[in-house]
Amino acid sequence: MGNWKRKQVSIDKVNKQLDSVGIAPCIDITTDDYPTRQEQIYEWVRLHKDEVDSFVTLDDLDILGQSNIYKAHMQGRCIRTLPQMGLTKSDAKKAIKVLHTPIRRIRKGRRGRPPGGPRGRAA
């Protein structure tokens, strides 16, 4: 897992790049309180549900390959980039398309599982 989000200099670099193309800066980061990126992202979106109309993940990790109860909520919102290439024009076009697709409203659920999801985890 990359740790760019833990270094202010890296966050500043990302924000500078976002600003250069007219995109607002990062306002928050996910925590490392959950075992998978799916859970980190889903929980952030759930906690900020009143502020989020849509989201997309851009990551060089296989977010959807992390099989768990969050996969259905992440399907169609994950764009896997190549570490050696970074974000390409094609990736950016896909991300914009995803961002124009509103998410279903996330109901309040207990932390650690989406509403209606399984109550336990397999060991």
Protein backbone atom coordinates (compact mmCIF):
# COMPACT_ATOMS: atom_id res chain seq x y z
CA MET A 1 0.00 0.00 0.00
CA GLY A 2 1.35 3.39 -0.92
CA ASN A 3 1.79 5.98 1.75
CA TRP A 4 1.72 9.16 -0.33
CA LYS A 5 -1.30 10.36 1.63
CA ARG A 6 0.76 10.33 4.84
CA LYS A 7 3.29 12.87 3.56
CA GLN A 8 2.21 16.50 3.32
CA VAL A 9 4.71 17.15 0.52
CA SER A 10 3.01 14.42 -1.54
CA ILE A 11 -0.48 15.75 -0.82
CA ASP A 12 0.72 19.23 -1.85
CA LYS A 13 2.08 17.78 -5.10
CA VAL A 14 -1.23 16.04 -5.86
CA ASN A 15 -3.18 19.21 -5.06
CA LYS A 16 -0.90 21.27 -7.32
CA GLN A 17 -1.57 18.88 -10.18
CA LEU A 18 -5.32 18.95 -9.53
CA ASP A 19 -5.26 22.76 -9.45
CA SER A 20 -3.37 22.87 -12.75
CA VAL A 21 -6.39 21.30 -14.47
CA GLY A 22 -9.04 23.19 -12.51
CA ILE A 23 -9.96 20.49 -10.01
CA ALA A 24 -10.48 21.29 -6.33
CA PRO A 25 -7.83 19.97 -3.92
CA CYS A 26 -8.04 16.85 -1.78
CA ILE A 27 -10.05 17.70 1.31
CA ASP A 28 -9.51 14.49 3.26
CA ILE A 29 -7.82 11.10 3.12
CA THR A 30 -8.93 7.59 3.97
CA THR A 31 -7.68 5.96 7.15
CA ASP A 32 -5.75 2.75 7.50
CA ASP A 33 -8.24 1.48 10.09
CA TYR A 34 -9.57 -1.24 7.78
CA PRO A 35 -7.82 -4.28 6.31
CA THR A 36 -8.62 -3.55 2.63
CA ARG A 37 -8.74 -0.47 0.43
CA GLN A 38 -12.36 -1.38 -0.41
CA GLU A 39 -13.31 -1.02 3.23
CA GLN A 40 -11.29 2.18 3.69
CA ILE A 41 -12.97 3.82 0.71
CA TYR A 42 -16.47 2.51 1.38
CA GLU A 43 -16.35 3.64 5.01
CA TRP A 44 -15.11 7.11 4.01
CA VAL A 45 -17.95 7.46 1.50
CA ARG A 46 -20.47 6.15 4.04
CA LEU A 47 -19.28 8.58 6.72
CA HIS A 48 -19.50 11.48 4.24
CA LYS A 49 -22.70 10.33 2.50
CA ASP A 50 -24.35 13.74 2.80
CA GLU A 51 -21.43 15.36 0.97
CA VAL A 52 -20.79 12.77 -1.75
CA ASP A 53 -22.87 12.45 -4.91
CA SER A 54 -20.40 10.25 -6.78
CA PHE A 55 -16.91 8.80 -6.42
CA VAL A 56 -14.23 6.99 -8.36
CA THR A 57 -11.10 5.23 -7.18
CA LEU A 58 -7.86 5.57 -9.11
CA ASP A 59 -5.32 3.09 -7.83
CA ASP A 60 -2.57 0.82 -9.06
CA LEU A 61 -3.88 -1.84 -6.68
CA ASP A 62 -6.57 -4.26 -7.79
CA ILE A 63 -9.32 -2.81 -5.60
CA LEU A 64 -11.99 -5.16 -6.97
CA GLY A 65 -9.73 -8.18 -6.51
CA GLN A 66 -9.98 -7.70 -2.74
CA SER A 67 -13.02 -9.91 -2.41
CA ASN A 68 -15.27 -8.89 0.45
CA ILE A 69 -18.75 -7.56 1.16
CA TYR A 70 -17.90 -4.14 -0.27
CA LYS A 71 -17.18 -5.36 -3.80
CA ALA A 72 -20.74 -4.75 -5.05
CA HIS A 73 -20.59 -1.15 -3.82
CA MET A 74 -17.25 -0.56 -5.57
CA GLN A 75 -18.12 -2.26 -8.88
CA GLY A 76 -17.90 0.19 -11.78
CA ARG A 77 -16.15 2.85 -9.66
CA CYS A 78 -12.58 1.53 -9.71
CA ILE A 79 -10.02 2.40 -12.34
CA ARG A 80 -6.75 0.52 -12.07
CA THR A 81 -3.77 2.52 -13.23
CA LEU A 82 -0.36 1.18 -14.14
CA PRO A 83 2.36 2.24 -11.69
CA GLN A 84 4.88 2.79 -14.48
CA MET A 85 2.48 5.05 -16.44
CA GLY A 86 0.37 6.78 -13.82
CA LEU A 87 -2.93 8.32 -14.83
CA THR A 88 -3.47 8.24 -18.59
CA LYS A 89 -5.92 10.26 -20.72
CA SER A 90 -7.99 7.12 -21.15
CA ASP A 91 -8.11 6.62 -17.36
CA ALA A 92 -9.13 10.25 -16.88
CA LYS A 93 -11.96 9.94 -19.42
CA LYS A 94 -13.25 6.82 -17.65
CA ALA A 95 -13.02 8.58 -14.27
CA ILE A 96 -15.00 11.57 -15.52
CA LYS A 97 -17.69 9.24 -16.86
CA VAL A 98 -17.91 7.48 -13.48
CA LEU A 99 -18.10 10.81 -11.64
CA HIS A 100 -21.12 11.75 -13.75
CA THR A 101 -22.88 8.62 -12.44
CA PRO A 102 -24.52 9.32 -9.05
CA ILE A 103 -24.23 6.73 -6.33
CA ARG A 104 -27.20 5.19 -4.63
CA ARG A 105 -27.75 6.85 -1.31
CA ILE A 106 -25.89 4.95 1.37
CA ARG A 107 -28.07 4.34 4.38
CA LYS A 108 -26.71 4.54 7.86
CA GLY A 109 -25.23 1.17 8.68
CA ARG A 110 -23.05 -0.17 11.40
CA ARG A 111 -19.37 0.54 10.95
CA GLY A 112 -17.62 -2.29 9.23
CA ARG A 113 -20.42 -3.55 7.03
CA PRO A 114 -22.72 -2.10 4.40
CA PRO A 115 -26.43 -2.09 5.21
CA GLY A 116 -27.98 -5.40 4.23
CA GLY A 117 -24.57 -7.08 4.04
CA PRO A 118 -23.52 -10.17 5.94
CA ARG A 119 -23.31 -9.77 9.69
CA GLY A 120 -20.12 -11.75 10.15
CA ARG A 121 -16.86 -12.48 8.40
CA ALA A 122 -15.28 -15.72 7.45
CA ALA A 123 -11.97 -16.29 9.18
